[in-house]
């Protein structure tokens, strides 16, 4: 099982058993999904704008079966990691677009910003986006008056743009990677629902415990389905970022 250094736990079985497994991010840094049941609209006027805003924390309840409690915790940990990388990707794109004085900060499209840098710097830098595998970067090669290349430190604004592009690449790659691992675990949980019901039933010491633990399992599975929809949305947005980067790099998609 893939392990992560994320502080997440399944709650204890008491009246406040439910414990938050997601910590809210900074509202000023990201635009998050509006609902776990929303998907990006194909008719959205803004190119792949983020559409989900967190409408509740992902939470797990204890079902008193060690293996299942661990799997629910593992799922939450990986989801938390993926969400962190997705939010970082959104934040890097916003900062890049703000540095280009873009007013459309709610969209994740950033080709216009790169084009603006290229136009502004055409007499001083050869601006291009290079892509290799799942990594892309902003290249800024200085050009002298006669067209020759000159080595000199980048201006702070261009250095910042280069750093943000690197951050977009790294966080988009991590968002997709975590999503693949998460989907495997979520698929196992969804396919094993009937077996889990029997395991939880056997773990109950009394009829009252059985009812409580069954309710906990049902609520956990609702959260699993919610996490699946959010995760797929994060991965879809990251894939669109890669598609745009590939087009800017001149790679057919």
Protein backbone atom coordinates (compact mmCIF):
# COMPACT_ATOMS: atom_id res chain seq x y z
CA UNK A 1 0.00 0.00 0.00
CA UNK A 2 1.33 3.37 -0.94
CA UNK A 3 2.16 5.35 2.15
CA UNK A 4 2.23 9.10 2.56
CA UNK A 5 3.63 11.40 5.22
CA UNK A 6 0.28 13.06 5.77
CA UNK A 7 -1.25 13.42 9.20
CA UNK A 8 -4.67 11.79 8.85
CA UNK A 9 -6.54 9.44 11.12
CA UNK A 10 -9.79 7.60 11.49
CA UNK A 11 -11.86 8.92 14.32
CA UNK A 12 -12.57 7.16 17.57
CA UNK A 13 -15.98 5.61 18.11
CA UNK A 14 -17.63 8.13 20.38
CA UNK A 15 -20.32 10.79 19.80
CA UNK A 16 -17.68 12.92 18.09
CA UNK A 17 -16.15 10.03 16.11
CA UNK A 18 -16.11 11.97 12.90
CA UNK A 19 -12.82 13.77 12.46
CA UNK A 20 -11.86 16.07 9.58
CA UNK A 21 -9.35 14.53 7.19
CA UNK A 22 -8.98 17.68 5.10
CA UNK A 23 -7.57 20.93 6.28
CA UNK A 24 -8.92 24.04 4.54
CA UNK A 25 -6.50 25.85 2.24
CA UNK A 26 -6.08 29.57 1.85
CA UNK A 27 -9.09 31.08 0.05
CA UNK A 28 -6.82 33.66 -1.52
CA UNK A 29 -4.66 31.05 -3.21
CA UNK A 30 -7.04 28.67 -4.93
CA UNK A 31 -10.41 28.32 -6.52
CA UNK A 32 -11.74 24.98 -5.38
CA UNK A 33 -14.64 22.82 -6.49
CA UNK A 34 -18.19 24.16 -5.83
CA UNK A 35 -19.63 20.74 -5.15
CA UNK A 36 -18.58 17.14 -5.10
CA UNK A 37 -21.30 16.51 -7.64
CA UNK A 38 -20.33 19.24 -10.09
CA UNK A 39 -18.25 18.63 -13.18
CA UNK A 40 -16.70 21.23 -15.47
CA UNK A 41 -19.21 22.46 -18.03
CA UNK A 42 -18.31 22.09 -21.69
CA UNK A 43 -20.08 25.41 -22.29
CA UNK A 44 -18.09 27.38 -19.74
CA UNK A 45 -17.01 30.66 -21.32
CA UNK A 46 -13.69 30.54 -19.46
CA UNK A 47 -11.18 27.88 -20.59
CA UNK A 48 -11.26 25.08 -18.04
CA UNK A 49 -11.90 27.30 -15.03
CA UNK A 50 -11.77 25.42 -11.71
CA UNK A 51 -15.34 24.55 -10.77
CA UNK A 52 -15.35 22.72 -7.40
CA UNK A 53 -15.38 24.66 -4.15
CA UNK A 54 -15.05 22.62 -1.04
CA UNK A 55 -18.51 22.31 0.46
CA UNK A 56 -17.45 20.09 3.35
CA UNK A 57 -14.42 18.29 4.70
CA UNK A 58 -13.76 14.69 3.80
CA UNK A 59 -14.27 12.69 6.98
CA UNK A 60 -14.09 9.04 7.96
CA UNK A 61 -15.69 7.10 10.80
CA UNK A 62 -14.29 4.03 12.50
CA UNK A 63 -15.84 0.69 11.53
CA UNK A 64 -13.81 -1.38 14.06
CA UNK A 65 -12.22 -3.57 11.37
CA UNK A 66 -8.51 -2.78 11.38
CA UNK A 67 -7.90 -3.49 7.69
CA UNK A 68 -10.87 -1.40 6.58
CA UNK A 69 -10.09 1.47 8.93
CA UNK A 70 -6.56 1.50 7.51
CA UNK A 71 -7.80 1.51 3.91
CA UNK A 72 -10.16 4.40 4.60
CA UNK A 73 -7.29 6.30 6.23
CA UNK A 74 -4.96 5.53 3.31
CA UNK A 75 -7.56 6.80 0.86
CA UNK A 76 -7.97 10.04 2.80
CA UNK A 77 -4.21 10.56 2.99
CA UNK A 78 -3.74 10.15 -0.76
CA UNK A 79 -6.74 12.36 -1.49
CA UNK A 80 -5.34 15.05 0.80
CA UNK A 81 -2.02 14.90 -1.03
CA UNK A 82 -3.67 15.14 -4.42
CA UNK A 83 -5.79 18.09 -3.33
CA UNK A 84 -2.70 19.85 -1.96
CA UNK A 85 -0.91 19.47 -5.32
CA UNK A 86 -4.00 20.59 -7.24
CA UNK A 87 -4.31 23.71 -5.09
CA UNK A 88 -0.60 24.41 -5.60
CA UNK A 89 -1.06 24.14 -9.37
CA UNK A 90 -3.93 26.63 -9.28
CA UNK A 91 -1.88 28.96 -7.10
CA UNK A 92 1.13 28.90 -9.45
CA UNK A 93 -1.07 29.64 -12.46
CA UNK A 94 -2.72 32.54 -10.66
CA UNK A 95 0.63 34.04 -9.68
CA UNK A 96 1.94 33.67 -13.23
CA UNK A 97 -1.13 35.39 -14.66
CA UNK A 98 -0.99 38.14 -12.05
CA UNK A 99 2.62 38.82 -13.04
CA UNK A 100 1.38 39.28 -16.61
CA UNK A 101 -1.38 41.65 -15.42
CA UNK A 102 -4.03 39.18 -16.56
CA UNK A 103 -7.55 39.98 -15.40
CA UNK A 104 -8.82 36.44 -16.03
CA UNK A 105 -7.30 34.86 -12.93
CA UNK A 106 -10.15 32.37 -12.47
CA UNK A 107 -9.19 30.39 -15.57
CA UNK A 108 -6.39 27.84 -15.57
CA UNK A 109 -5.41 28.67 -19.16
CA UNK A 110 -2.01 30.36 -19.24
CA UNK A 111 -0.96 30.37 -22.93
CA UNK A 112 -2.02 33.99 -23.32
CA UNK A 113 0.31 34.97 -20.48
CA UNK A 114 3.28 33.17 -22.10
CA UNK A 115 2.44 34.86 -25.39
CA UNK A 116 2.41 38.24 -23.69
CA UNK A 117 5.86 37.62 -22.19
CA UNK A 118 7.15 36.53 -25.60
CA UNK A 119 5.84 39.69 -27.25
CA UNK A 120 7.14 42.01 -24.54
CA UNK A 121 10.59 40.43 -24.55
CA UNK A 122 11.03 39.72 -28.28
CA UNK A 123 13.99 42.08 -28.60
CA UNK A 124 15.79 40.84 -25.49
CA UNK A 125 14.86 37.16 -24.96
CA UNK A 126 13.90 34.14 -27.00
CA UNK A 127 10.87 32.95 -25.03
CA UNK A 128 9.64 29.38 -25.45
CA UNK A 129 8.06 26.55 -23.52
CA UNK A 130 10.04 23.31 -23.57
CA UNK A 131 8.42 20.00 -22.72
CA UNK A 132 10.03 16.64 -21.97
CA UNK A 133 7.79 13.85 -20.78
CA UNK A 134 5.64 15.25 -17.97
CA UNK A 135 7.98 18.15 -17.29
CA UNK A 136 7.77 21.53 -18.95
CA UNK A 137 9.64 24.77 -18.34
CA UNK A 138 9.78 28.35 -19.55
CA UNK A 139 12.98 29.02 -21.49
CA UNK A 140 14.32 32.57 -21.60
CA UNK A 141 17.43 32.89 -23.74
CA UNK A 142 18.86 36.44 -23.79
CA UNK A 143 19.57 37.94 -27.20
CA UNK A 144 21.99 40.81 -27.89
CA UNK A 145 21.47 43.70 -30.32
CA UNK A 146 22.93 41.70 -33.20
CA UNK A 147 20.89 38.58 -32.43
CA UNK A 148 23.67 36.80 -30.55
CA UNK A 149 23.00 35.13 -27.22
CA UNK A 150 24.28 36.93 -24.15
CA UNK A 151 24.57 35.46 -20.68
CA UNK A 152 23.13 37.73 -17.99
CA UNK A 153 20.93 37.39 -14.90
CA UNK A 154 17.20 37.31 -15.53
CA UNK A 155 15.15 40.30 -14.37
CA UNK A 156 13.15 39.43 -11.20
CA UNK A 157 9.81 39.46 -13.07
CA UNK A 158 11.03 36.91 -15.64
CA UNK A 159 12.71 34.80 -12.98
CA UNK A 160 9.39 34.71 -11.13
CA UNK A 161 7.53 33.66 -14.31
CA UNK A 162 10.05 30.88 -14.88
CA UNK A 163 9.67 29.65 -11.30
CA UNK A 164 5.87 29.65 -11.52
CA UNK A 165 5.97 27.62 -14.74
CA UNK A 166 8.19 25.08 -13.02
CA UNK A 167 5.75 24.98 -10.12
CA UNK A 168 2.80 24.46 -12.49
CA UNK A 169 4.60 21.54 -14.11
CA UNK A 170 5.58 19.86 -10.83
CA UNK A 171 2.18 20.21 -9.18
CA UNK A 172 0.23 19.13 -12.29
CA UNK A 173 2.38 16.00 -12.56
CA UNK A 174 1.85 15.19 -8.87
CA UNK A 175 -1.91 15.77 -9.17
CA UNK A 176 -2.15 13.19 -11.96
CA UNK A 177 0.13 10.71 -10.18
CA UNK A 178 -1.79 10.84 -6.90
CA UNK A 179 -5.06 10.55 -8.80
CA UNK A 180 -4.01 7.27 -10.39
CA UNK A 181 -3.08 5.75 -7.02
CA UNK A 182 -6.24 7.07 -5.40
CA UNK A 183 -8.49 5.63 -8.10
CA UNK A 184 -7.08 2.14 -7.50
CA UNK A 185 -7.87 2.31 -3.79
CA UNK A 186 -11.31 3.83 -4.31
CA UNK A 187 -12.15 1.14 -6.88
CA UNK A 188 -11.25 -1.57 -4.36
CA UNK A 189 -13.47 0.02 -1.71
CA UNK A 190 -16.44 0.39 -4.05
CA UNK A 191 -16.13 -3.15 -5.39
CA UNK A 192 -15.78 -4.65 -1.90
CA UNK A 193 -18.85 -3.03 -0.36
CA UNK A 194 -20.79 -6.26 0.27
CA UNK A 195 -17.75 -7.99 1.81
CA UNK A 196 -17.13 -4.98 4.03
CA UNK A 197 -20.72 -5.11 5.30
CA UNK A 198 -20.14 -8.69 6.47
CA UNK A 199 -16.81 -7.84 8.09
CA UNK A 200 -18.33 -4.91 9.95
CA UNK A 201 -21.27 -7.04 11.04
CA UNK A 202 -18.87 -9.60 12.50
CA UNK A 203 -16.95 -6.91 14.35
CA UNK A 204 -19.99 -5.70 16.27
CA UNK A 205 -20.29 -7.01 19.84
CA UNK A 206 -23.92 -5.99 20.31
CA UNK A 207 -26.92 -5.27 18.11
CA UNK A 208 -26.58 -1.60 18.96
CA UNK A 209 -22.93 -1.63 17.89
CA UNK A 210 -23.91 -3.33 14.65
CA UNK A 211 -26.33 -0.54 13.77
CA UNK A 212 -23.81 2.17 14.63
CA UNK A 213 -20.96 0.56 12.70
CA UNK A 214 -23.16 -0.09 9.67
CA UNK A 215 -24.12 3.58 9.66
CA UNK A 216 -20.46 4.52 9.90
CA UNK A 217 -19.64 2.31 6.93
CA UNK A 218 -22.45 3.81 4.86
CA UNK A 219 -21.27 7.33 5.61
CA UNK A 220 -17.68 6.39 4.79
CA UNK A 221 -18.77 5.04 1.42
CA UNK A 222 -20.60 8.27 0.66
CA UNK A 223 -17.36 10.09 1.34
CA UNK A 224 -15.47 7.65 -0.88
CA UNK A 225 -17.80 8.43 -3.78
CA UNK A 226 -17.47 12.15 -3.11
CA UNK A 227 -13.67 11.88 -3.07
CA UNK A 228 -13.76 9.96 -6.35
CA UNK A 229 -15.68 12.71 -8.12
CA UNK A 230 -13.46 15.46 -6.73
CA UNK A 231 -10.31 13.52 -7.59
CA UNK A 232 -11.39 12.94 -11.18
CA UNK A 233 -12.07 16.67 -11.48
CA UNK A 234 -8.59 17.54 -10.19
CA UNK A 235 -6.98 15.11 -12.62
CA UNK A 236 -9.03 16.40 -15.54
CA UNK A 237 -7.92 19.97 -14.85
CA UNK A 238 -4.26 18.91 -14.61
CA UNK A 239 -4.52 17.03 -17.90
CA UNK A 240 -5.89 20.15 -19.58
CA UNK A 241 -2.92 22.11 -18.27
CA UNK A 242 -0.62 19.53 -19.88
CA UNK A 243 -2.54 19.72 -23.15
CA UNK A 244 -2.10 23.49 -23.26
CA UNK A 245 1.60 23.21 -22.38
CA UNK A 246 2.12 20.65 -25.14
CA UNK A 247 0.45 22.94 -27.68
CA UNK A 248 2.69 25.85 -26.63
CA UNK A 249 5.72 23.57 -26.93
CA UNK A 250 4.68 22.58 -30.44
CA UNK A 251 3.89 18.98 -29.52
CA UNK A 252 0.87 17.43 -31.23
CA UNK A 253 -1.78 16.16 -28.78
